[in-house]
Amino acid sequence: MVQIRPVSDLRNKFTDIENIVQTGDPVYLTKNGYGTMVVMSIEAYSRLTEPEEYIMDVADEAAASTDVRLTHEDVFHSLRRKINGRETL
């Protein structure tokens, strides 16, 4: 759900805004009824500004969580089977 708050909430309800952005959702701040800025978590900002670095971090975490390793032949064979309808996605 889109969160739109007056800029005064940044000072008066910082914890509420912090809790929202920690879930990954941005908070849009208004001043005098007009949008002025967006508050988001560092992780969300990083995904916007450095998508390749974020993707590599996610891949590194996934690789660290398992001992399973696939060759590129295994991966492409599996993808071809899915694309050709022999296996559901």
N, C-alpha and C. Protein backbone atom coordinates (compact mmCIF):
# COMPACT_ATOMS: atom_id res chain seq x y z
N MET A 1 0.84 -1.18 0.00
CA MET A 1 0.00 0.00 0.00
C MET A 1 0.89 1.24 0.00
N VAL A 2 0.56 2.21 -0.80
CA VAL A 2 1.32 3.44 -0.89
C VAL A 2 1.16 4.24 0.39
N GLN A 3 2.28 4.67 0.95
CA GLN A 3 2.27 5.46 2.17
C GLN A 3 2.60 6.91 1.83
N ILE A 4 1.64 7.80 2.06
CA ILE A 4 1.83 9.23 1.84
C ILE A 4 1.64 9.91 3.18
N ARG A 5 2.65 10.66 3.60
CA ARG A 5 2.62 11.30 4.92
C ARG A 5 3.06 12.76 4.79
N PRO A 6 2.60 13.62 5.71
CA PRO A 6 3.13 14.98 5.73
C PRO A 6 4.58 14.95 6.21
N VAL A 7 5.37 15.89 5.72
CA VAL A 7 6.79 15.93 6.07
C VAL A 7 6.98 16.06 7.59
N SER A 8 6.03 16.62 8.28
CA SER A 8 6.14 16.75 9.74
C SER A 8 6.20 15.39 10.43
N ASP A 9 5.65 14.35 9.78
CA ASP A 9 5.72 13.01 10.36
C ASP A 9 7.15 12.49 10.42
N LEU A 10 8.01 13.02 9.58
CA LEU A 10 9.41 12.59 9.62
C LEU A 10 10.02 12.94 10.97
N ARG A 11 9.64 14.05 11.52
CA ARG A 11 10.12 14.46 12.84
C ARG A 11 9.27 13.86 13.95
N ASN A 12 7.96 13.91 13.80
CA ASN A 12 7.07 13.54 14.89
C ASN A 12 6.80 12.04 15.00
N LYS A 13 6.91 11.32 13.89
CA LYS A 13 6.60 9.88 13.87
C LYS A 13 7.69 9.10 13.14
N PHE A 14 8.94 9.45 13.44
CA PHE A 14 10.07 8.85 12.76
C PHE A 14 10.04 7.33 12.85
N THR A 15 9.74 6.78 14.03
CA THR A 15 9.73 5.32 14.21
C THR A 15 8.71 4.65 13.29
N ASP A 16 7.55 5.26 13.14
CA ASP A 16 6.53 4.70 12.23
C ASP A 16 7.06 4.66 10.79
N ILE A 17 7.67 5.75 10.37
CA ILE A 17 8.20 5.81 9.01
C ILE A 17 9.34 4.82 8.85
N GLU A 18 10.20 4.74 9.84
CA GLU A 18 11.31 3.79 9.79
C GLU A 18 10.81 2.36 9.65
N ASN A 19 9.76 2.01 10.40
CA ASN A 19 9.19 0.66 10.32
C ASN A 19 8.63 0.37 8.93
N ILE A 20 8.02 1.35 8.31
CA ILE A 20 7.46 1.16 6.96
C ILE A 20 8.58 0.92 5.96
N VAL A 21 9.61 1.76 5.98
CA VAL A 21 10.67 1.62 4.98
C VAL A 21 11.48 0.35 5.19
N GLN A 22 11.54 -0.16 6.40
CA GLN A 22 12.27 -1.40 6.64
C GLN A 22 11.56 -2.60 6.02
N THR A 23 10.28 -2.46 5.70
CA THR A 23 9.57 -3.54 5.00
C THR A 23 9.86 -3.52 3.51
N GLY A 24 10.55 -2.47 3.04
CA GLY A 24 10.87 -2.36 1.62
C GLY A 24 10.01 -1.36 0.89
N ASP A 25 8.98 -0.83 1.55
CA ASP A 25 8.10 0.14 0.92
C ASP A 25 8.62 1.55 1.13
N PRO A 26 8.52 2.41 0.13
CA PRO A 26 8.92 3.81 0.32
C PRO A 26 7.80 4.58 1.01
N VAL A 27 8.14 5.71 1.60
CA VAL A 27 7.15 6.63 2.17
C VAL A 27 7.29 7.95 1.41
N TYR A 28 6.18 8.41 0.85
CA TYR A 28 6.15 9.66 0.11
C TYR A 28 5.77 10.77 1.08
N LEU A 29 6.58 11.81 1.12
CA LEU A 29 6.34 12.92 2.04
C LEU A 29 5.82 14.13 1.28
N THR A 30 4.87 14.82 1.89
CA THR A 30 4.27 16.00 1.28
C THR A 30 4.49 17.22 2.15
N LYS A 31 4.51 18.37 1.51
CA LYS A 31 4.57 19.66 2.21
C LYS A 31 3.53 20.55 1.57
N ASN A 32 2.60 21.03 2.39
CA ASN A 32 1.49 21.85 1.90
C ASN A 32 0.69 21.14 0.82
N GLY A 33 0.57 19.83 0.97
CA GLY A 33 -0.24 19.05 0.04
C GLY A 33 0.45 18.62 -1.24
N TYR A 34 1.70 18.97 -1.41
CA TYR A 34 2.44 18.61 -2.62
C TYR A 34 3.59 17.68 -2.27
N GLY A 35 3.85 16.73 -3.13
CA GLY A 35 4.95 15.81 -2.92
C GLY A 35 6.28 16.54 -2.90
N THR A 36 7.13 16.20 -1.90
CA THR A 36 8.43 16.85 -1.81
C THR A 36 9.58 15.87 -1.83
N MET A 37 9.40 14.67 -1.26
CA MET A 37 10.50 13.71 -1.22
C MET A 37 9.98 12.31 -0.93
N VAL A 38 10.88 11.37 -1.10
CA VAL A 38 10.58 9.96 -0.82
C VAL A 38 11.63 9.45 0.16
N VAL A 39 11.18 8.73 1.17
CA VAL A 39 12.09 8.10 2.13
C VAL A 39 12.04 6.60 1.87
N MET A 40 13.24 5.99 1.77
CA MET A 40 13.31 4.55 1.55
C MET A 40 14.51 3.98 2.28
N SER A 41 14.52 2.68 2.44
CA SER A 41 15.63 2.01 3.13
C SER A 41 16.89 2.08 2.27
N ILE A 42 18.02 1.88 2.89
CA ILE A 42 19.29 1.86 2.17
C ILE A 42 19.28 0.72 1.15
N GLU A 43 18.70 -0.42 1.52
CA GLU A 43 18.65 -1.55 0.60
C GLU A 43 17.84 -1.21 -0.64
N ALA A 44 16.69 -0.56 -0.46
CA ALA A 44 15.86 -0.18 -1.60
C ALA A 44 16.58 0.83 -2.47
N TYR A 45 17.26 1.78 -1.85
CA TYR A 45 18.02 2.77 -2.61
C TYR A 45 19.15 2.11 -3.39
N SER A 46 19.80 1.17 -2.76
CA SER A 46 20.89 0.45 -3.41
C SER A 46 20.39 -0.30 -4.64
N ARG A 47 19.21 -0.91 -4.54
CA ARG A 47 18.64 -1.62 -5.69
C ARG A 47 18.37 -0.67 -6.86
N LEU A 48 18.01 0.57 -6.54
CA LEU A 48 17.75 1.55 -7.59
C LEU A 48 19.03 2.09 -8.22
N THR A 49 20.04 2.28 -7.41
CA THR A 49 21.24 2.93 -7.90
C THR A 49 22.32 1.97 -8.36
N GLU A 50 22.31 0.77 -7.83
CA GLU A 50 23.34 -0.20 -8.17
C GLU A 50 22.72 -1.58 -8.36
N PRO A 51 21.86 -1.74 -9.38
CA PRO A 51 21.15 -3.01 -9.53
C PRO A 51 22.06 -4.21 -9.75
N GLU A 52 23.13 -4.02 -10.48
CA GLU A 52 24.02 -5.16 -10.73
C GLU A 52 24.70 -5.61 -9.44
N GLU A 53 25.13 -4.65 -8.64
CA GLU A 53 25.78 -4.99 -7.37
C GLU A 53 24.79 -5.70 -6.44
N TYR A 54 23.55 -5.21 -6.41
CA TYR A 54 22.52 -5.84 -5.57
C TYR A 54 22.27 -7.28 -6.02
N ILE A 55 22.16 -7.49 -7.32
CA ILE A 55 21.91 -8.83 -7.85
C ILE A 55 23.06 -9.78 -7.50
N MET A 56 24.28 -9.29 -7.60
CA MET A 56 25.43 -10.12 -7.24
C MET A 56 25.43 -10.45 -5.75
N ASP A 57 25.03 -9.50 -4.91
CA ASP A 57 24.93 -9.76 -3.47
C ASP A 57 23.89 -10.85 -3.19
N VAL A 58 22.75 -10.78 -3.87
CA VAL A 58 21.71 -11.79 -3.70
C VAL A 58 22.23 -13.15 -4.16
N ALA A 59 22.93 -13.18 -5.28
CA ALA A 59 23.49 -14.44 -5.79
C ALA A 59 24.53 -15.01 -4.82
N ASP A 60 25.36 -14.15 -4.27
CA ASP A 60 26.36 -14.61 -3.30
C ASP A 60 25.70 -15.21 -2.06
N GLU A 61 24.63 -14.57 -1.57
CA GLU A 61 23.92 -15.10 -0.41
C GLU A 61 23.29 -16.45 -0.74
N ALA A 62 22.70 -16.57 -1.92
CA ALA A 62 22.09 -17.84 -2.32
C ALA A 62 23.14 -18.93 -2.44
N ALA A 63 24.30 -18.61 -3.01
CA ALA A 63 25.36 -19.59 -3.15
C ALA A 63 25.90 -20.03 -1.80
N ALA A 64 25.95 -19.10 -0.85
CA ALA A 64 26.46 -19.43 0.48
C ALA A 64 25.51 -20.32 1.26
N SER A 65 24.24 -20.34 0.87
CA SER A 65 23.24 -21.09 1.63
C SER A 65 23.11 -22.55 1.19
N THR A 66 23.86 -22.98 0.17
CA THR A 66 23.76 -24.35 -0.32
C THR A 66 25.10 -24.81 -0.89
N ASP A 67 25.28 -26.12 -0.90
CA ASP A 67 26.48 -26.69 -1.51
C ASP A 67 26.23 -27.12 -2.96
N VAL A 68 24.99 -26.99 -3.43
CA VAL A 68 24.64 -27.40 -4.79
C VAL A 68 25.26 -26.43 -5.79
N ARG A 69 25.94 -26.97 -6.78
CA ARG A 69 26.52 -26.18 -7.85
C ARG A 69 26.10 -26.79 -9.17
N LEU A 70 25.75 -25.95 -10.13
CA LEU A 70 25.31 -26.40 -11.44
C LEU A 70 26.26 -25.88 -12.50
N THR A 71 26.49 -26.69 -13.52
CA THR A 71 27.26 -26.21 -14.65
C THR A 71 26.34 -25.38 -15.55
N HIS A 72 26.93 -24.63 -16.45
CA HIS A 72 26.08 -23.86 -17.36
C HIS A 72 25.28 -24.79 -18.26
N GLU A 73 25.81 -25.99 -18.57
CA GLU A 73 25.05 -26.94 -19.37
C GLU A 73 23.80 -27.39 -18.63
N ASP A 74 23.92 -27.65 -17.32
CA ASP A 74 22.76 -28.05 -16.52
C ASP A 74 21.69 -26.96 -16.52
N VAL A 75 22.11 -25.73 -16.35
CA VAL A 75 21.17 -24.61 -16.28
C VAL A 75 20.45 -24.44 -17.61
N PHE A 76 21.22 -24.40 -18.71
CA PHE A 76 20.59 -24.19 -20.02
C PHE A 76 19.72 -25.37 -20.44
N HIS A 77 20.10 -26.59 -20.08
CA HIS A 77 19.27 -27.75 -20.38
C HIS A 77 17.93 -27.63 -19.65
N SER A 78 17.98 -27.24 -18.40
CA SER A 78 16.75 -27.08 -17.63
C SER A 78 15.87 -25.98 -18.21
N LEU A 79 16.48 -24.86 -18.59
CA LEU A 79 15.71 -23.76 -19.19
C LEU A 79 15.08 -24.17 -20.52
N ARG A 80 15.84 -24.89 -21.34
CA ARG A 80 15.29 -25.34 -22.63
C ARG A 80 14.09 -26.26 -22.42
N ARG A 81 14.18 -27.15 -21.43
CA ARG A 81 13.05 -28.04 -21.14
C ARG A 81 11.82 -27.24 -20.73
N LYS A 82 12.02 -26.23 -19.90
CA LYS A 82 10.88 -25.40 -19.47
C LYS A 82 10.30 -24.60 -20.63
N ILE A 83 11.15 -24.04 -21.45
CA ILE A 83 10.68 -23.24 -22.59
C ILE A 83 9.95 -24.11 -23.59
N ASN A 84 10.41 -25.31 -23.81
CA ASN A 84 9.80 -26.19 -24.80
C ASN A 84 8.57 -26.93 -24.25
N GLY A 85 8.16 -26.63 -23.04
CA GLY A 85 6.93 -27.17 -22.49
C GLY A 85 7.04 -28.56 -21.89
N ARG A 86 8.22 -29.04 -21.68
CA ARG A 86 8.39 -30.37 -21.10
C ARG A 86 8.38 -30.33 -19.58
N GLU A 87 8.43 -29.13 -19.06
CA GLU A 87 8.45 -28.96 -17.61
C GLU A 87 7.78 -27.64 -17.31
N THR A 88 7.00 -27.57 -16.24
CA THR A 88 6.34 -26.31 -15.91
C THR A 88 7.31 -25.41 -15.18
N LEU A 89 7.11 -24.10 -15.33
CA LEU A 89 7.97 -23.12 -14.66
C LEU A 89 7.71 -23.06 -13.19
